[in-house]
N, C-alpha and C. Protein backbone atom coordinates (compact mmCIF):
# COMPACT_ATOMS: atom_id res chain seq x y z
N MET A 1 -141.83 63.11 -82.60
CA MET A 1 -141.09 62.90 -83.81
C MET A 1 -141.91 62.13 -84.82
N ALA A 2 -142.60 61.10 -84.32
CA ALA A 2 -143.42 60.30 -85.22
C ALA A 2 -144.52 61.13 -85.82
N SER A 3 -145.09 62.07 -85.04
CA SER A 3 -146.16 62.92 -85.56
C SER A 3 -145.61 63.88 -86.61
N ASP A 4 -144.34 64.35 -86.45
CA ASP A 4 -143.73 65.21 -87.45
C ASP A 4 -143.55 64.47 -88.76
N ALA A 5 -143.11 63.21 -88.69
CA ALA A 5 -142.91 62.41 -89.90
C ALA A 5 -144.25 62.14 -90.55
N LYS A 6 -145.26 61.89 -89.71
CA LYS A 6 -146.58 61.61 -90.24
C LYS A 6 -147.14 62.84 -90.94
N THR A 7 -146.97 64.05 -90.32
CA THR A 7 -147.47 65.28 -90.93
C THR A 7 -146.67 65.59 -92.18
N ALA A 8 -145.39 65.36 -92.13
CA ALA A 8 -144.54 65.66 -93.28
C ALA A 8 -144.93 64.77 -94.46
N GLY A 9 -145.32 63.51 -94.16
CA GLY A 9 -145.70 62.59 -95.24
C GLY A 9 -146.97 63.02 -95.94
N SER A 10 -147.93 63.59 -95.22
CA SER A 10 -149.19 64.01 -95.82
C SER A 10 -149.14 65.45 -96.32
N ASP A 11 -148.07 66.20 -96.01
CA ASP A 11 -147.93 67.60 -96.42
C ASP A 11 -147.25 67.66 -97.80
N PRO A 12 -147.91 68.28 -98.79
CA PRO A 12 -147.33 68.33 -100.14
C PRO A 12 -146.13 69.29 -100.25
N ARG A 13 -145.89 70.10 -99.23
CA ARG A 13 -144.79 71.06 -99.30
C ARG A 13 -143.46 70.37 -99.02
N SER A 14 -142.41 70.94 -99.56
CA SER A 14 -141.07 70.40 -99.34
C SER A 14 -140.61 70.77 -97.94
N PRO A 15 -139.57 70.08 -97.42
CA PRO A 15 -139.05 70.41 -96.10
C PRO A 15 -138.58 71.88 -96.01
N VAL A 16 -138.04 72.41 -97.08
CA VAL A 16 -137.59 73.80 -97.09
C VAL A 16 -138.77 74.75 -96.96
N GLU A 17 -139.86 74.47 -97.68
CA GLU A 17 -141.04 75.32 -97.59
C GLU A 17 -141.64 75.28 -96.18
N ARG A 18 -141.65 74.10 -95.59
CA ARG A 18 -142.17 73.99 -94.22
C ARG A 18 -141.28 74.76 -93.25
N ARG A 19 -139.98 74.67 -93.43
CA ARG A 19 -139.03 75.37 -92.56
C ARG A 19 -139.20 76.89 -92.69
N ILE A 20 -139.35 77.38 -93.91
CA ILE A 20 -139.53 78.82 -94.13
C ILE A 20 -140.81 79.29 -93.49
N GLU A 21 -141.88 78.54 -93.64
CA GLU A 21 -143.15 78.95 -93.03
C GLU A 21 -143.05 78.99 -91.52
N LYS A 22 -142.33 78.02 -90.93
CA LYS A 22 -142.16 78.00 -89.48
C LYS A 22 -141.35 79.22 -89.01
N SER A 23 -140.44 79.71 -89.84
CA SER A 23 -139.61 80.85 -89.42
C SER A 23 -140.42 82.13 -89.30
N PHE A 24 -141.62 82.15 -89.88
CA PHE A 24 -142.47 83.34 -89.78
C PHE A 24 -143.33 83.32 -88.53
N GLU A 25 -143.25 82.25 -87.75
CA GLU A 25 -144.03 82.16 -86.53
C GLU A 25 -143.24 82.70 -85.36
N ASP A 26 -143.94 83.38 -84.48
CA ASP A 26 -143.33 83.95 -83.29
C ASP A 26 -143.36 82.88 -82.19
N THR A 27 -142.25 82.17 -82.04
CA THR A 27 -142.21 81.08 -81.06
C THR A 27 -142.08 81.59 -79.63
N ALA A 28 -141.58 82.82 -79.46
CA ALA A 28 -141.42 83.38 -78.12
C ALA A 28 -142.75 83.91 -77.58
N GLY A 29 -143.64 84.28 -78.48
CA GLY A 29 -144.90 84.90 -78.06
C GLY A 29 -146.03 83.90 -78.05
N LEU A 30 -147.08 84.23 -78.76
CA LEU A 30 -148.30 83.42 -78.77
C LEU A 30 -148.29 82.35 -79.84
N GLY A 31 -147.24 82.30 -80.63
CA GLY A 31 -147.19 81.30 -81.69
C GLY A 31 -147.94 81.71 -82.93
N GLU A 32 -148.34 82.99 -83.01
CA GLU A 32 -149.06 83.46 -84.19
C GLU A 32 -148.06 83.93 -85.24
N PRO A 33 -148.42 83.84 -86.50
CA PRO A 33 -147.51 84.31 -87.55
C PRO A 33 -147.23 85.81 -87.40
N LEU A 34 -146.01 86.22 -87.74
CA LEU A 34 -145.65 87.63 -87.72
C LEU A 34 -146.38 88.35 -88.86
N SER A 35 -146.67 89.58 -88.65
CA SER A 35 -147.33 90.36 -89.69
C SER A 35 -146.37 90.58 -90.86
N ARG A 36 -146.92 90.92 -91.99
CA ARG A 36 -146.09 91.17 -93.18
C ARG A 36 -145.11 92.32 -92.90
N ARG A 37 -145.60 93.34 -92.21
CA ARG A 37 -144.74 94.48 -91.89
C ARG A 37 -143.57 94.05 -91.00
N ALA A 38 -143.86 93.23 -90.01
CA ALA A 38 -142.80 92.76 -89.11
C ALA A 38 -141.78 91.91 -89.86
N ARG A 39 -142.26 91.13 -90.83
CA ARG A 39 -141.33 90.30 -91.61
C ARG A 39 -140.46 91.13 -92.54
N GLN A 40 -140.98 92.26 -93.03
CA GLN A 40 -140.25 93.04 -94.02
C GLN A 40 -139.43 94.19 -93.42
N THR A 41 -139.62 94.46 -92.13
CA THR A 41 -138.88 95.54 -91.49
C THR A 41 -137.43 95.12 -91.31
N ARG A 42 -136.55 96.01 -91.71
CA ARG A 42 -135.13 95.73 -91.58
C ARG A 42 -134.76 95.81 -90.10
N ARG A 43 -134.10 94.80 -89.63
CA ARG A 43 -133.69 94.77 -88.23
C ARG A 43 -132.18 94.98 -88.17
N SER A 44 -131.80 96.11 -87.59
CA SER A 44 -130.38 96.39 -87.42
C SER A 44 -130.22 97.30 -86.21
N VAL A 45 -129.00 97.41 -85.75
CA VAL A 45 -128.73 98.29 -84.61
C VAL A 45 -129.04 99.73 -85.00
N GLU A 46 -128.67 100.13 -86.23
CA GLU A 46 -128.92 101.49 -86.69
C GLU A 46 -130.41 101.80 -86.71
N ALA A 47 -131.22 100.87 -87.24
CA ALA A 47 -132.66 101.08 -87.30
C ALA A 47 -133.24 101.20 -85.88
N TYR A 48 -132.75 100.38 -84.97
CA TYR A 48 -133.22 100.42 -83.58
C TYR A 48 -132.90 101.77 -82.95
N LEU A 49 -131.67 102.25 -83.14
CA LEU A 49 -131.26 103.52 -82.54
C LEU A 49 -131.98 104.70 -83.17
N ASN A 50 -132.22 104.64 -84.47
CA ASN A 50 -132.90 105.74 -85.15
C ASN A 50 -134.39 105.78 -84.85
N ALA A 51 -134.96 104.68 -84.41
CA ALA A 51 -136.40 104.61 -84.20
C ALA A 51 -136.90 105.57 -83.13
N GLY A 52 -136.09 105.83 -82.11
CA GLY A 52 -136.57 106.67 -81.02
C GLY A 52 -136.06 108.09 -81.05
N VAL A 53 -135.42 108.49 -82.13
CA VAL A 53 -134.78 109.80 -82.17
C VAL A 53 -135.39 110.65 -83.29
N VAL A 54 -135.71 111.90 -82.96
CA VAL A 54 -136.17 112.84 -83.98
C VAL A 54 -134.95 113.25 -84.79
N PRO A 55 -135.00 113.11 -86.11
CA PRO A 55 -133.82 113.46 -86.92
C PRO A 55 -133.40 114.91 -86.71
N ARG A 56 -132.09 115.16 -86.82
CA ARG A 56 -131.55 116.49 -86.57
C ARG A 56 -132.17 117.54 -87.48
N TYR A 57 -132.43 117.19 -88.75
CA TYR A 57 -132.99 118.18 -89.67
C TYR A 57 -134.38 118.63 -89.21
N MET A 58 -135.14 117.74 -88.58
CA MET A 58 -136.45 118.14 -88.07
C MET A 58 -136.30 119.03 -86.84
N GLN A 59 -135.35 118.71 -85.97
CA GLN A 59 -135.10 119.55 -84.80
C GLN A 59 -134.68 120.95 -85.25
N ARG A 60 -133.76 121.00 -86.21
CA ARG A 60 -133.27 122.29 -86.69
C ARG A 60 -134.37 123.10 -87.34
N LEU A 61 -135.23 122.44 -88.11
CA LEU A 61 -136.34 123.12 -88.76
C LEU A 61 -137.29 123.72 -87.72
N ARG A 62 -137.55 122.99 -86.65
CA ARG A 62 -138.38 123.53 -85.56
C ARG A 62 -137.71 124.75 -84.93
N GLU A 63 -136.39 124.67 -84.74
CA GLU A 63 -135.65 125.79 -84.16
C GLU A 63 -135.73 127.01 -85.07
N VAL A 64 -135.58 126.80 -86.38
CA VAL A 64 -135.65 127.92 -87.33
C VAL A 64 -137.04 128.54 -87.28
N ASP A 65 -138.07 127.72 -87.37
CA ASP A 65 -139.45 128.25 -87.36
C ASP A 65 -139.75 129.01 -86.07
N ALA A 66 -139.33 128.46 -84.94
CA ALA A 66 -139.58 129.12 -83.66
C ALA A 66 -138.82 130.45 -83.57
N ALA A 67 -137.58 130.46 -84.05
CA ALA A 67 -136.78 131.69 -84.01
C ALA A 67 -137.36 132.76 -84.93
N VAL A 68 -137.83 132.36 -86.11
CA VAL A 68 -138.44 133.33 -87.03
C VAL A 68 -139.72 133.90 -86.42
N GLU A 69 -140.53 133.03 -85.83
CA GLU A 69 -141.76 133.51 -85.18
C GLU A 69 -141.45 134.47 -84.04
N ALA A 70 -140.43 134.16 -83.25
CA ALA A 70 -140.05 135.03 -82.13
C ALA A 70 -139.56 136.39 -82.65
N GLN A 71 -138.75 136.37 -83.70
CA GLN A 71 -138.27 137.63 -84.29
C GLN A 71 -139.44 138.44 -84.82
N HIS A 72 -140.34 137.77 -85.52
CA HIS A 72 -141.51 138.45 -86.09
C HIS A 72 -142.32 139.13 -84.98
N ALA A 73 -142.56 138.41 -83.88
CA ALA A 73 -143.34 138.97 -82.77
C ALA A 73 -142.62 140.15 -82.13
N ARG A 74 -141.30 140.02 -81.95
CA ARG A 74 -140.52 141.11 -81.34
C ARG A 74 -140.54 142.35 -82.23
N ILE A 75 -140.37 142.15 -83.53
CA ILE A 75 -140.37 143.29 -84.46
C ILE A 75 -141.75 143.91 -84.54
N GLU A 76 -142.79 143.07 -84.51
CA GLU A 76 -144.15 143.60 -84.57
C GLU A 76 -144.45 144.49 -83.36
N ARG A 77 -144.01 144.07 -82.17
CA ARG A 77 -144.21 144.90 -80.98
C ARG A 77 -143.52 146.26 -81.13
N SER A 78 -142.31 146.23 -81.62
CA SER A 78 -141.56 147.47 -81.82
C SER A 78 -142.25 148.36 -82.85
N TYR A 79 -142.74 147.76 -83.91
CA TYR A 79 -143.44 148.49 -84.99
C TYR A 79 -144.70 149.17 -84.45
N ARG A 80 -145.48 148.40 -83.68
CA ARG A 80 -146.73 148.95 -83.13
C ARG A 80 -146.47 150.10 -82.14
N ARG A 81 -145.43 149.93 -81.32
CA ARG A 81 -145.10 151.01 -80.38
C ARG A 81 -144.72 152.29 -81.11
N LEU A 82 -143.93 152.16 -82.17
CA LEU A 82 -143.55 153.35 -82.95
C LEU A 82 -144.76 153.97 -83.63
N GLN A 83 -145.66 153.13 -84.14
CA GLN A 83 -146.88 153.66 -84.77
C GLN A 83 -147.68 154.48 -83.76
N GLU A 84 -147.82 153.96 -82.56
CA GLU A 84 -148.55 154.68 -81.52
C GLU A 84 -147.85 155.98 -81.15
N ARG A 85 -146.54 155.92 -81.09
CA ARG A 85 -145.77 157.11 -80.68
C ARG A 85 -145.85 158.24 -81.70
N TYR A 86 -145.75 157.89 -82.99
CA TYR A 86 -145.72 158.93 -84.02
C TYR A 86 -147.08 159.21 -84.64
N GLY A 87 -148.04 158.37 -84.42
CA GLY A 87 -149.40 158.62 -84.87
C GLY A 87 -149.51 159.02 -86.33
N ALA A 88 -149.99 160.22 -86.60
CA ALA A 88 -150.24 160.68 -87.97
C ALA A 88 -148.98 161.19 -88.66
N ASP A 89 -147.88 161.38 -87.95
CA ASP A 89 -146.64 161.88 -88.56
C ASP A 89 -145.91 160.73 -89.25
N SER A 90 -146.36 160.42 -90.46
CA SER A 90 -145.83 159.26 -91.18
C SER A 90 -144.37 159.43 -91.60
N GLU A 91 -143.94 160.65 -91.88
CA GLU A 91 -142.54 160.86 -92.27
C GLU A 91 -141.61 160.59 -91.09
N ALA A 92 -141.94 161.10 -89.93
CA ALA A 92 -141.12 160.86 -88.74
C ALA A 92 -141.12 159.37 -88.40
N PHE A 93 -142.29 158.73 -88.52
CA PHE A 93 -142.37 157.29 -88.27
C PHE A 93 -141.45 156.53 -89.22
N ALA A 94 -141.51 156.85 -90.52
CA ALA A 94 -140.70 156.15 -91.52
C ALA A 94 -139.20 156.31 -91.22
N ARG A 95 -138.78 157.53 -90.90
CA ARG A 95 -137.36 157.76 -90.59
C ARG A 95 -136.93 156.95 -89.37
N ARG A 96 -137.71 157.04 -88.33
CA ARG A 96 -137.37 156.32 -87.09
C ARG A 96 -137.43 154.81 -87.29
N TRP A 97 -138.41 154.33 -88.05
CA TRP A 97 -138.54 152.90 -88.28
C TRP A 97 -137.35 152.37 -89.07
N LEU A 98 -136.93 153.08 -90.11
CA LEU A 98 -135.77 152.64 -90.91
C LEU A 98 -134.51 152.62 -90.05
N THR A 99 -134.37 153.60 -89.18
CA THR A 99 -133.21 153.62 -88.27
C THR A 99 -133.23 152.40 -87.35
N ARG A 100 -134.39 152.10 -86.82
CA ARG A 100 -134.51 150.95 -85.91
C ARG A 100 -134.29 149.64 -86.66
N VAL A 101 -134.84 149.51 -87.85
CA VAL A 101 -134.70 148.26 -88.61
C VAL A 101 -133.23 148.00 -88.92
N ARG A 102 -132.48 149.04 -89.24
CA ARG A 102 -131.05 148.87 -89.55
C ARG A 102 -130.26 148.39 -88.33
N SER A 103 -130.81 148.59 -87.15
CA SER A 103 -130.10 148.17 -85.93
C SER A 103 -130.38 146.70 -85.56
N PHE A 104 -131.37 146.09 -86.18
CA PHE A 104 -131.70 144.70 -85.85
C PHE A 104 -130.57 143.77 -86.29
N ARG A 105 -130.26 142.79 -85.44
CA ARG A 105 -129.23 141.79 -85.75
C ARG A 105 -129.90 140.44 -85.89
N PHE A 106 -129.57 139.75 -86.97
CA PHE A 106 -130.14 138.43 -87.22
C PHE A 106 -129.04 137.38 -87.38
N ASP A 107 -127.86 137.64 -86.82
CA ASP A 107 -126.70 136.76 -87.04
C ASP A 107 -126.96 135.32 -86.59
N ALA A 108 -127.47 135.14 -85.40
CA ALA A 108 -127.66 133.79 -84.86
C ALA A 108 -128.70 133.00 -85.66
N ILE A 109 -129.84 133.63 -85.93
CA ILE A 109 -130.87 132.91 -86.69
C ILE A 109 -130.43 132.66 -88.13
N ASN A 110 -129.70 133.61 -88.72
CA ASN A 110 -129.22 133.40 -90.09
C ASN A 110 -128.19 132.28 -90.17
N GLU A 111 -127.40 132.12 -89.13
CA GLU A 111 -126.45 131.00 -89.08
C GLU A 111 -127.21 129.68 -89.04
N LEU A 112 -128.27 129.63 -88.26
CA LEU A 112 -129.11 128.43 -88.18
C LEU A 112 -129.78 128.16 -89.53
N ILE A 113 -130.24 129.20 -90.20
CA ILE A 113 -130.88 129.05 -91.52
C ILE A 113 -129.85 128.56 -92.54
N ARG A 114 -128.63 129.10 -92.51
CA ARG A 114 -127.59 128.63 -93.43
C ARG A 114 -127.28 127.15 -93.19
N GLU A 115 -127.22 126.77 -91.91
CA GLU A 115 -126.97 125.36 -91.58
C GLU A 115 -128.10 124.48 -92.12
N HIS A 116 -129.33 124.94 -91.95
CA HIS A 116 -130.49 124.21 -92.48
C HIS A 116 -130.39 124.06 -93.99
N ASN A 117 -130.13 125.17 -94.68
CA ASN A 117 -130.08 125.14 -96.14
C ASN A 117 -128.97 124.23 -96.66
N GLU A 118 -127.88 124.14 -95.91
CA GLU A 118 -126.77 123.30 -96.34
C GLU A 118 -127.01 121.82 -96.09
N TRP A 119 -127.54 121.48 -94.92
CA TRP A 119 -127.63 120.09 -94.51
C TRP A 119 -128.98 119.42 -94.75
N TYR A 120 -130.06 120.18 -94.82
CA TYR A 120 -131.39 119.58 -94.93
C TYR A 120 -131.52 118.60 -96.10
N PRO A 121 -131.11 118.96 -97.32
CA PRO A 121 -131.32 118.01 -98.42
C PRO A 121 -130.56 116.70 -98.24
N ILE A 122 -129.42 116.75 -97.59
CA ILE A 122 -128.63 115.53 -97.38
C ILE A 122 -129.27 114.69 -96.28
N GLU A 123 -129.58 115.34 -95.15
CA GLU A 123 -130.14 114.62 -94.01
C GLU A 123 -131.53 114.07 -94.30
N ALA A 124 -132.32 114.81 -95.07
CA ALA A 124 -133.68 114.37 -95.40
C ALA A 124 -133.69 113.44 -96.62
N GLN A 125 -132.52 113.21 -97.19
CA GLN A 125 -132.35 112.33 -98.35
C GLN A 125 -133.27 112.74 -99.50
N LEU A 126 -133.25 114.03 -99.82
CA LEU A 126 -134.05 114.53 -100.94
C LEU A 126 -133.50 113.99 -102.25
N PRO A 127 -134.38 113.71 -103.20
CA PRO A 127 -133.90 113.25 -104.51
C PRO A 127 -133.25 114.39 -105.28
N ILE A 128 -132.41 114.04 -106.24
CA ILE A 128 -131.74 115.02 -107.08
C ILE A 128 -132.32 114.93 -108.49
N ASP A 129 -132.62 116.08 -109.07
CA ASP A 129 -133.08 116.14 -110.45
C ASP A 129 -131.87 115.90 -111.35
N PRO A 130 -131.88 114.82 -112.14
CA PRO A 130 -130.69 114.50 -112.95
C PRO A 130 -130.40 115.56 -114.03
N ARG A 131 -131.42 116.27 -114.48
CA ARG A 131 -131.19 117.29 -115.51
C ARG A 131 -130.48 118.52 -114.97
N THR A 132 -130.86 118.93 -113.75
CA THR A 132 -130.30 120.16 -113.21
C THR A 132 -129.22 119.90 -112.15
N GLY A 133 -129.23 118.72 -111.56
CA GLY A 133 -128.28 118.43 -110.49
C GLY A 133 -128.68 119.07 -109.17
N GLU A 134 -129.89 119.63 -109.10
CA GLU A 134 -130.38 120.29 -107.89
C GLU A 134 -131.28 119.34 -107.10
N TYR A 135 -131.32 119.55 -105.80
CA TYR A 135 -132.23 118.77 -104.96
C TYR A 135 -133.67 119.17 -105.26
N VAL A 136 -134.56 118.18 -105.22
CA VAL A 136 -135.98 118.40 -105.46
C VAL A 136 -136.68 118.45 -104.11
N GLY A 137 -137.42 119.52 -103.86
CA GLY A 137 -138.14 119.65 -102.59
C GLY A 137 -139.30 118.68 -102.50
N LEU A 138 -139.77 118.47 -101.30
CA LEU A 138 -140.91 117.58 -101.09
C LEU A 138 -142.20 118.24 -101.52
N ARG A 139 -143.02 117.51 -102.26
CA ARG A 139 -144.30 118.00 -102.76
C ARG A 139 -144.16 119.34 -103.49
N GLY A 140 -143.05 119.52 -104.17
CA GLY A 140 -142.84 120.72 -104.97
C GLY A 140 -142.49 121.97 -104.18
N ARG A 141 -142.36 121.83 -102.86
CA ARG A 141 -142.04 122.99 -102.02
C ARG A 141 -140.53 123.17 -101.95
N ARG A 142 -140.11 124.41 -101.88
CA ARG A 142 -138.68 124.70 -101.72
C ARG A 142 -138.28 124.38 -100.29
N PHE A 143 -137.11 123.81 -100.13
CA PHE A 143 -136.64 123.49 -98.79
C PHE A 143 -135.77 124.62 -98.23
N ARG A 144 -135.22 125.44 -99.10
CA ARG A 144 -134.33 126.52 -98.64
C ARG A 144 -135.15 127.59 -97.92
N ARG A 145 -134.62 128.03 -96.79
CA ARG A 145 -135.26 129.11 -96.03
C ARG A 145 -134.52 130.40 -96.32
N ARG A 146 -135.26 131.47 -96.36
CA ARG A 146 -134.69 132.78 -96.62
C ARG A 146 -134.08 133.35 -95.34
N GLU A 147 -132.89 133.93 -95.48
CA GLU A 147 -132.26 134.58 -94.34
C GLU A 147 -132.99 135.88 -94.04
N LEU A 148 -132.98 136.28 -92.78
CA LEU A 148 -133.64 137.50 -92.36
C LEU A 148 -132.70 138.68 -92.57
N ASP A 149 -133.27 139.77 -93.11
CA ASP A 149 -132.48 140.96 -93.38
C ASP A 149 -133.41 142.17 -93.42
N LEU A 150 -132.85 143.30 -93.79
CA LEU A 150 -133.62 144.56 -93.87
C LEU A 150 -134.83 144.40 -94.78
N ASP A 151 -134.64 143.81 -95.95
CA ASP A 151 -135.76 143.63 -96.90
C ASP A 151 -136.87 142.76 -96.31
N TRP A 152 -136.48 141.70 -95.61
CA TRP A 152 -137.48 140.82 -94.99
C TRP A 152 -138.34 141.60 -94.00
N VAL A 153 -137.69 142.42 -93.17
CA VAL A 153 -138.41 143.20 -92.17
C VAL A 153 -139.36 144.18 -92.85
N LEU A 154 -138.85 144.88 -93.87
CA LEU A 154 -139.68 145.90 -94.53
C LEU A 154 -140.82 145.30 -95.35
N GLU A 155 -140.68 144.05 -95.80
CA GLU A 155 -141.81 143.37 -96.45
C GLU A 155 -142.91 143.09 -95.44
N GLN A 156 -142.50 142.69 -94.24
CA GLN A 156 -143.46 142.37 -93.19
C GLN A 156 -144.07 143.63 -92.57
N PHE A 157 -143.20 144.64 -92.37
CA PHE A 157 -143.61 145.86 -91.69
C PHE A 157 -143.06 147.07 -92.46
N PRO A 158 -143.80 147.55 -93.43
CA PRO A 158 -143.30 148.65 -94.28
C PRO A 158 -143.17 149.98 -93.53
N ALA A 159 -142.19 150.77 -93.97
CA ALA A 159 -141.97 152.08 -93.35
C ALA A 159 -143.03 153.08 -93.80
N ALA A 160 -143.45 152.95 -95.04
CA ALA A 160 -144.48 153.86 -95.56
C ALA A 160 -145.84 153.38 -95.11
N SER A 161 -146.68 154.34 -94.70
CA SER A 161 -148.02 153.96 -94.26
C SER A 161 -148.88 153.69 -95.49
N THR A 162 -149.75 152.72 -95.36
CA THR A 162 -150.60 152.33 -96.50
C THR A 162 -151.98 152.93 -96.41
């Protein structure tokens, strides 16, 4: 106690300043001051729980990308098989390809894409352009994903031979 009074007497800082400086020291650990980041990080139950969890919008985006890639690969296999089967008969290939494309179902992946388009800007906390009232994508990129349909397939794999 006497040493504290002695140090306090020679210390030009006020008792409040000394108390605040002491609060930045980690008394449970090595006694070293906490880093600036550690001092400024918000400590709450929500922050703790969110720290170890991948946000839902990121999980959904991975699911959308994986599903689109899987559809693309499946359609490409079908396209290549038909090309091999019909060879130089481009008219027969085009007719058969259009028939097959019309039979493709994208209901499940399109539902996931609609969910992404609806919730992503809210969950990712995208800013809103005050002039238009629309969400602004990150780094100028659009966040909305296109639903898969007949046009999407034919853009990727045209019926007419090039």
